Amino acid sequence: PEGARGKLADAMGMDKKNRRGELRFVLLERL
């Protein structure tokens, strides 16, 4: 949504995939 991007980093800090305080993402090699 408009205006949400700048607020997402703090919310992502509580993601359950994070390890030792570092953000972990599921990423694509290809479709």
All heavy atoms as atom14 arrays in JSON, in Angstrom:
{
  "sequence": "PEGARGKLADAMGMDKKNRRGELRFVLLERL",
  "atom14_mask": [
    [1, 1, 1, 1, 1, 1, 1, 0, 0, 0, 0, 0, 0, 0],
    [1, 1, 1, 1, 1, 1, 1, 1, 1, 0, 0, 0, 0, 0],
    [1, 1, 1, 1, 0, 0, 0, 0, 0, 0, 0, 0, 0, 0],
    [1, 1, 1, 1, 1, 0, 0, 0, 0, 0, 0, 0, 0, 0],
    [1, 1, 1, 1, 1, 1, 1, 1, 1, 1, 1, 0, 0, 0],
    [1, 1, 1, 1, 0, 0, 0, 0, 0, 0, 0, 0, 0, 0],
    [1, 1, 1, 1, 1, 1, 1, 1, 1, 0, 0, 0, 0, 0],
    [1, 1, 1, 1, 1, 1, 1, 1, 0, 0, 0, 0, 0, 0],
    [1, 1, 1, 1, 1, 0, 0, 0, 0, 0, 0, 0, 0, 0],
    [1, 1, 1, 1, 1, 1, 1, 1, 0, 0, 0, 0, 0, 0],
    [1, 1, 1, 1, 1, 0, 0, 0, 0, 0, 0, 0, 0, 0],
    [1, 1, 1, 1, 1, 1, 1, 1, 0, 0, 0, 0, 0, 0],
    [1, 1, 1, 1, 0, 0, 0, 0, 0, 0, 0, 0, 0, 0],
    [1, 1, 1, 1, 1, 1, 1, 1, 0, 0, 0, 0, 0, 0],
    [1, 1, 1, 1, 1, 1, 1, 1, 0, 0, 0, 0, 0, 0],
    [1, 1, 1, 1, 1, 1, 1, 1, 1, 0, 0, 0, 0, 0],
    [1, 1, 1, 1, 1, 1, 1, 1, 1, 0, 0, 0, 0, 0],
    [1, 1, 1, 1, 1, 1, 1, 1, 0, 0, 0, 0, 0, 0],
    [1, 1, 1, 1, 1, 1, 1, 1, 1, 1, 1, 0, 0, 0],
    [1, 1, 1, 1, 1, 1, 1, 1, 1, 1, 1, 0, 0, 0],
    [1, 1, 1, 1, 0, 0, 0, 0, 0, 0, 0, 0, 0, 0],
    [1, 1, 1, 1, 1, 1, 1, 1, 1, 0, 0, 0, 0, 0],
    [1, 1, 1, 1, 1, 1, 1, 1, 0, 0, 0, 0, 0, 0],
    [1, 1, 1, 1, 1, 1, 1, 1, 1, 1, 1, 0, 0, 0],
    [1, 1, 1, 1, 1, 1, 1, 1, 1, 1, 1, 0, 0, 0],
    [1, 1, 1, 1, 1, 1, 1, 0, 0, 0, 0, 0, 0, 0],
    [1, 1, 1, 1, 1, 1, 1, 1, 0, 0, 0, 0, 0, 0],
    [1, 1, 1, 1, 1, 1, 1, 1, 0, 0, 0, 0, 0, 0],
    [1, 1, 1, 1, 1, 1, 1, 1, 1, 0, 0, 0, 0, 0],
    [1, 1, 1, 1, 1, 1, 1, 1, 1, 1, 1, 0, 0, 0],
    [1, 1, 1, 1, 1, 1, 1, 1, 0, 0, 0, 0, 0, 0]
  ],
  "atom14_positions": [
    [[0.82, -1.21, 0.0], [0.0, 0.0, 0.0], [0.86, 1.26, 0.0], [2.01, 1.26, 0.46], [-0.81, -0.1, 1.3], [-0.71, -1.53, 1.7], [0.58, -2.04, 1.18], [0.0, 0.0, 0.0], [0.0, 0.0, 0.0], [0.0, 0.0, 0.0], [0.0, 0.0, 0.0], [0.0, 0.0, 0.0], [0.0, 0.0, 0.0], [0.0, 0.0, 0.0]],
    [[0.31, 2.32, -0.49], [0.99, 3.61, -0.52], [1.42, 3.99, 0.9], [0.63, 3.95, 1.84], [0.04, 4.69, -1.08], [0.69, 6.01, -1.34], [1.62, 5.98, -2.56], [1.39, 5.13, -3.45], [2.55, 6.79, -2.59], [0.0, 0.0, 0.0], [0.0, 0.0, 0.0], [0.0, 0.0, 0.0], [0.0, 0.0, 0.0], [0.0, 0.0, 0.0]],
    [[2.69, 4.33, 1.05], [3.19, 4.78, 2.33], [3.63, 3.68, 3.28], [4.11, 3.97, 4.38], [0.0, 0.0, 0.0], [0.0, 0.0, 0.0], [0.0, 0.0, 0.0], [0.0, 0.0, 0.0], [0.0, 0.0, 0.0], [0.0, 0.0, 0.0], [0.0, 0.0, 0.0], [0.0, 0.0, 0.0], [0.0, 0.0, 0.0], [0.0, 0.0, 0.0]],
    [[3.47, 2.41, 2.88], [3.79, 1.31, 3.8], [5.25, 0.86, 3.74], [5.78, 0.32, 4.71], [2.89, 0.11, 3.52], [0.0, 0.0, 0.0], [0.0, 0.0, 0.0], [0.0, 0.0, 0.0], [0.0, 0.0, 0.0], [0.0, 0.0, 0.0], [0.0, 0.0, 0.0], [0.0, 0.0, 0.0], [0.0, 0.0, 0.0], [0.0, 0.0, 0.0]],
    [[5.92, 1.07, 2.6], [7.25, 0.49, 2.41], [8.23, 0.86, 3.52], [8.96, 0.02, 4.02], [7.84, 0.95, 1.07], [7.26, 0.25, -0.14], [7.99, 0.67, -1.4], [7.33, 0.17, -2.59], [7.6, -0.99, -3.17], [8.52, -1.78, -2.67], [6.94, -1.37, -4.26], [0.0, 0.0, 0.0], [0.0, 0.0, 0.0], [0.0, 0.0, 0.0]],
    [[8.24, 2.13, 3.9], [9.21, 2.58, 4.89], [8.99, 2.01, 6.27], [9.88, 2.11, 7.13], [0.0, 0.0, 0.0], [0.0, 0.0, 0.0], [0.0, 0.0, 0.0], [0.0, 0.0, 0.0], [0.0, 0.0, 0.0], [0.0, 0.0, 0.0], [0.0, 0.0, 0.0], [0.0, 0.0, 0.0], [0.0, 0.0, 0.0], [0.0, 0.0, 0.0]],
    [[7.82, 1.4, 6.51], [7.5, 0.85, 7.83], [7.72, -0.67, 7.92], [7.58, -1.25, 8.99], [6.05, 1.15, 8.18], [5.67, 2.62, 8.12], [4.17, 2.8, 8.33], [3.76, 4.26, 8.16], [2.28, 4.41, 8.28], [0.0, 0.0, 0.0], [0.0, 0.0, 0.0], [0.0, 0.0, 0.0], [0.0, 0.0, 0.0], [0.0, 0.0, 0.0]],
    [[8.04, -1.29, 6.78], [8.07, -2.75, 6.75], [9.28, -3.35, 7.45], [9.21, -4.45, 7.99], [8.03, -3.25, 5.3], [6.77, -2.89, 4.5], [6.86, -3.49, 3.09], [5.52, -3.4, 5.21], [0.0, 0.0, 0.0], [0.0, 0.0, 0.0], [0.0, 0.0, 0.0], [0.0, 0.0, 0.0], [0.0, 0.0, 0.0], [0.0, 0.0, 0.0]],
    [[10.42, -2.65, 7.44], [11.64, -3.22, 8.01], [11.47, -3.58, 9.48], [11.88, -4.66, 9.93], [12.81, -2.26, 7.82], [0.0, 0.0, 0.0], [0.0, 0.0, 0.0], [0.0, 0.0, 0.0], [0.0, 0.0, 0.0], [0.0, 0.0, 0.0], [0.0, 0.0, 0.0], [0.0, 0.0, 0.0], [0.0, 0.0, 0.0], [0.0, 0.0, 0.0]],
    [[10.87, -2.68, 10.25], [10.67, -2.97, 11.69], [9.78, -4.18, 11.87], [10.05, -5.04, 12.72], [10.06, -1.76, 12.39], [11.06, -0.64, 12.61], [12.28, -0.91, 12.51], [10.63, 0.49, 12.89], [0.0, 0.0, 0.0], [0.0, 0.0, 0.0], [0.0, 0.0, 0.0], [0.0, 0.0, 0.0], [0.0, 0.0, 0.0], [0.0, 0.0, 0.0]],
    [[8.71, -4.28, 11.1], [7.78, -5.41, 11.23], [8.47, -6.72, 10.84], [8.22, -7.77, 11.45], [6.54, -5.18, 10.37], [0.0, 0.0, 0.0], [0.0, 0.0, 0.0], [0.0, 0.0, 0.0], [0.0, 0.0, 0.0], [0.0, 0.0, 0.0], [0.0, 0.0, 0.0], [0.0, 0.0, 0.0], [0.0, 0.0, 0.0], [0.0, 0.0, 0.0]],
    [[9.35, -6.67, 9.85], [10.03, -7.88, 9.41], [11.03, -8.38, 10.45], [11.43, -9.54, 10.43], [10.74, -7.65, 8.08], [9.76, -7.51, 6.92], [10.57, -7.6, 5.3], [11.7, -6.24, 5.39], [0.0, 0.0, 0.0], [0.0, 0.0, 0.0], [0.0, 0.0, 0.0], [0.0, 0.0, 0.0], [0.0, 0.0, 0.0], [0.0, 0.0, 0.0]],
    [[11.41, -7.53, 11.38], [12.34, -7.95, 12.42], [11.79, -9.03, 13.32], [12.56, -9.75, 13.98], [0.0, 0.0, 0.0], [0.0, 0.0, 0.0], [0.0, 0.0, 0.0], [0.0, 0.0, 0.0], [0.0, 0.0, 0.0], [0.0, 0.0, 0.0], [0.0, 0.0, 0.0], [0.0, 0.0, 0.0], [0.0, 0.0, 0.0], [0.0, 0.0, 0.0]],
    [[10.46, -9.22, 13.33], [9.83, -10.26, 14.15], [9.48, -11.5, 13.35], [8.79, -12.38, 13.85], [8.57, -9.71, 14.83], [8.85, -8.68, 15.91], [9.85, -9.34, 17.27], [8.68, -10.48, 18.02], [0.0, 0.0, 0.0], [0.0, 0.0, 0.0], [0.0, 0.0, 0.0], [0.0, 0.0, 0.0], [0.0, 0.0, 0.0], [0.0, 0.0, 0.0]],
    [[9.95, -11.59, 12.11], [9.63, -12.76, 11.28], [10.24, -14.03, 11.89], [11.39, -14.04, 12.35], [10.17, -12.56, 9.86], [9.7, -13.64, 8.91], [8.6, -13.48, 8.36], [10.42, -14.64, 8.75], [0.0, 0.0, 0.0], [0.0, 0.0, 0.0], [0.0, 0.0, 0.0], [0.0, 0.0, 0.0], [0.0, 0.0, 0.0], [0.0, 0.0, 0.0]],
    [[9.47, -15.12, 11.86], [9.89, -16.36, 12.53], [11.05, -17.05, 11.83], [11.68, -17.92, 12.41], [8.7, -17.32, 12.64], [7.54, -16.77, 13.48], [6.46, -17.8, 13.69], [5.77, -18.19, 12.4], [5.13, -17.05, 11.71], [0.0, 0.0, 0.0], [0.0, 0.0, 0.0], [0.0, 0.0, 0.0], [0.0, 0.0, 0.0], [0.0, 0.0, 0.0]],
    [[11.35, -16.7, 10.57], [12.47, -17.33, 9.87], [13.82, -16.7, 10.25], [14.86, -17.23, 9.91], [12.28, -17.23, 8.36], [11.09, -18.0, 7.82], [11.04, -17.96, 6.31], [10.85, -16.56, 5.78], [9.63, -15.9, 6.28], [0.0, 0.0, 0.0], [0.0, 0.0, 0.0], [0.0, 0.0, 0.0], [0.0, 0.0, 0.0], [0.0, 0.0, 0.0]],
    [[13.78, -15.56, 10.93], [15.02, -14.87, 11.26], [15.88, -15.73, 12.19], [15.37, -16.47, 13.03], [14.73, -13.53, 11.92], [14.01, -12.56, 10.99], [13.96, -12.79, 9.78], [13.45, -11.51, 11.55], [0.0, 0.0, 0.0], [0.0, 0.0, 0.0], [0.0, 0.0, 0.0], [0.0, 0.0, 0.0], [0.0, 0.0, 0.0], [0.0, 0.0, 0.0]],
    [[17.19, -15.6, 12.05], [18.13, -16.32, 12.9], [19.2, -15.36, 13.39], [19.79, -14.62, 12.61], [18.79, -17.48, 12.12], [17.83, -18.58, 11.69], [17.27, -19.36, 12.88], [16.43, -20.46, 12.44], [15.12, -20.37, 12.22], [14.51, -19.21, 12.39], [14.43, -21.42, 11.82], [0.0, 0.0, 0.0], [0.0, 0.0, 0.0], [0.0, 0.0, 0.0]],
    [[19.41, -15.38, 14.71], [20.44, -14.53, 15.33], [20.28, -13.07, 14.93], [21.26, -12.34, 14.7], [21.84, -15.03, 14.98], [22.11, -16.46, 15.46], [23.52, -16.9, 15.11], [23.75, -18.28, 15.55], [23.47, -19.35, 14.82], [22.92, -19.2, 13.62], [23.71, -20.56, 15.28], [0.0, 0.0, 0.0], [0.0, 0.0, 0.0], [0.0, 0.0, 0.0]],
    [[19.04, -12.64, 14.86], [18.76, -11.25, 14.55], [18.9, -10.87, 13.09], [18.75, -9.7, 12.74], [0.0, 0.0, 0.0], [0.0, 0.0, 0.0], [0.0, 0.0, 0.0], [0.0, 0.0, 0.0], [0.0, 0.0, 0.0], [0.0, 0.0, 0.0], [0.0, 0.0, 0.0], [0.0, 0.0, 0.0], [0.0, 0.0, 0.0], [0.0, 0.0, 0.0]],
    [[19.2, -11.84, 12.22], [19.37, -11.55, 10.81], [18.14, -11.97, 10.02], [17.6, -13.06, 10.23], [20.61, -12.27, 10.26], [21.92, -11.79, 10.86], [23.11, -12.47, 10.22], [22.9, -13.33, 9.33], [24.25, -12.14, 10.61], [0.0, 0.0, 0.0], [0.0, 0.0, 0.0], [0.0, 0.0, 0.0], [0.0, 0.0, 0.0], [0.0, 0.0, 0.0]],
    [[17.73, -11.12, 9.08], [16.6, -11.45, 8.21], [16.97, -12.59, 7.27], [18.04, -12.58, 6.66], [16.19, -10.23, 7.39], [15.52, -9.06, 8.13], [15.36, -7.89, 7.19], [14.18, -9.49, 8.69], [0.0, 0.0, 0.0], [0.0, 0.0, 0.0], [0.0, 0.0, 0.0], [0.0, 0.0, 0.0], [0.0, 0.0, 0.0], [0.0, 0.0, 0.0]],
    [[16.09, -13.58, 7.19], [16.27, -14.68, 6.25], [15.08, -14.71, 5.3], [13.94, -14.66, 5.75], [16.38, -16.03, 6.98], [17.6, -16.16, 7.85], [17.56, -17.44, 8.66], [17.91, -18.62, 7.87], [17.1, -19.64, 7.65], [15.86, -19.63, 8.1], [17.5, -20.69, 6.94], [0.0, 0.0, 0.0], [0.0, 0.0, 0.0], [0.0, 0.0, 0.0]],
    [[15.36, -14.78, 4.03], [14.3, -14.74, 3.03], [14.27, -16.04, 2.23], [15.3, -16.69, 2.06], [14.53, -13.57, 2.05], [14.37, -12.22, 2.66], [15.46, -11.55, 3.2], [13.13, -11.61, 2.7], [15.31, -10.3, 3.77], [12.97, -10.35, 3.27], [14.07, -9.7, 3.8], [0.0, 0.0, 0.0], [0.0, 0.0, 0.0], [0.0, 0.0, 0.0]],
    [[13.08, -16.37, 1.75], [12.94, -17.4, 0.73], [13.06, -16.68, -0.6], [12.28, -15.77, -0.9], [11.59, -18.12, 0.84], [11.48, -19.21, -0.22], [11.4, -18.7, 2.23], [0.0, 0.0, 0.0], [0.0, 0.0, 0.0], [0.0, 0.0, 0.0], [0.0, 0.0, 0.0], [0.0, 0.0, 0.0], [0.0, 0.0, 0.0], [0.0, 0.0, 0.0]],
    [[14.05, -17.07, -1.39], [14.33, -16.38, -2.64], [14.17, -17.33, -3.83], [14.16, -18.55, -3.66], [15.75, -15.81, -2.62], [16.04, -14.8, -1.5], [17.5, -14.35, -1.55], [15.12, -13.6, -1.59], [0.0, 0.0, 0.0], [0.0, 0.0, 0.0], [0.0, 0.0, 0.0], [0.0, 0.0, 0.0], [0.0, 0.0, 0.0], [0.0, 0.0, 0.0]],
    [[14.04, -16.76, -5.0], [13.87, -17.55, -6.22], [15.18, -17.69, -6.97], [15.95, -16.73, -7.09], [12.86, -16.87, -7.16], [11.39, -16.82, -6.74], [10.58, -16.2, -7.86], [10.87, -18.2, -6.4], [0.0, 0.0, 0.0], [0.0, 0.0, 0.0], [0.0, 0.0, 0.0], [0.0, 0.0, 0.0], [0.0, 0.0, 0.0], [0.0, 0.0, 0.0]],
    [[15.42, -18.9, -7.49], [16.44, -19.07, -8.51], [15.83, -18.8, -9.88], [16.46, -18.23, -10.77], [17.04, -20.47, -8.45], [17.87, -20.71, -7.19], [18.59, -22.05, -7.22], [18.31, -22.87, -8.13], [19.43, -22.27, -6.34], [0.0, 0.0, 0.0], [0.0, 0.0, 0.0], [0.0, 0.0, 0.0], [0.0, 0.0, 0.0], [0.0, 0.0, 0.0]],
    [[14.59, -19.24, -10.02], [13.81, -19.03, -11.25], [12.37, -19.4, -10.92], [12.1, -19.95, -9.86], [14.33, -19.9, -12.38], [14.28, -21.38, -12.09], [14.84, -22.23, -13.22], [14.7, -23.66, -12.94], [15.55, -24.37, -12.22], [16.63, -23.79, -11.69], [15.36, -25.66, -12.04], [0.0, 0.0, 0.0], [0.0, 0.0, 0.0], [0.0, 0.0, 0.0]],
    [[11.44, -19.11, -11.79], [10.06, -19.54, -11.6], [10.02, -21.06, -11.51], [10.5, -21.75, -12.41], [9.17, -19.05, -12.74], [8.84, -17.56, -12.77], [7.99, -17.23, -13.98], [8.13, -17.12, -11.49], [0.0, 0.0, 0.0], [0.0, 0.0, 0.0], [0.0, 0.0, 0.0], [0.0, 0.0, 0.0], [0.0, 0.0, 0.0], [0.0, 0.0, 0.0]]
  ]
}
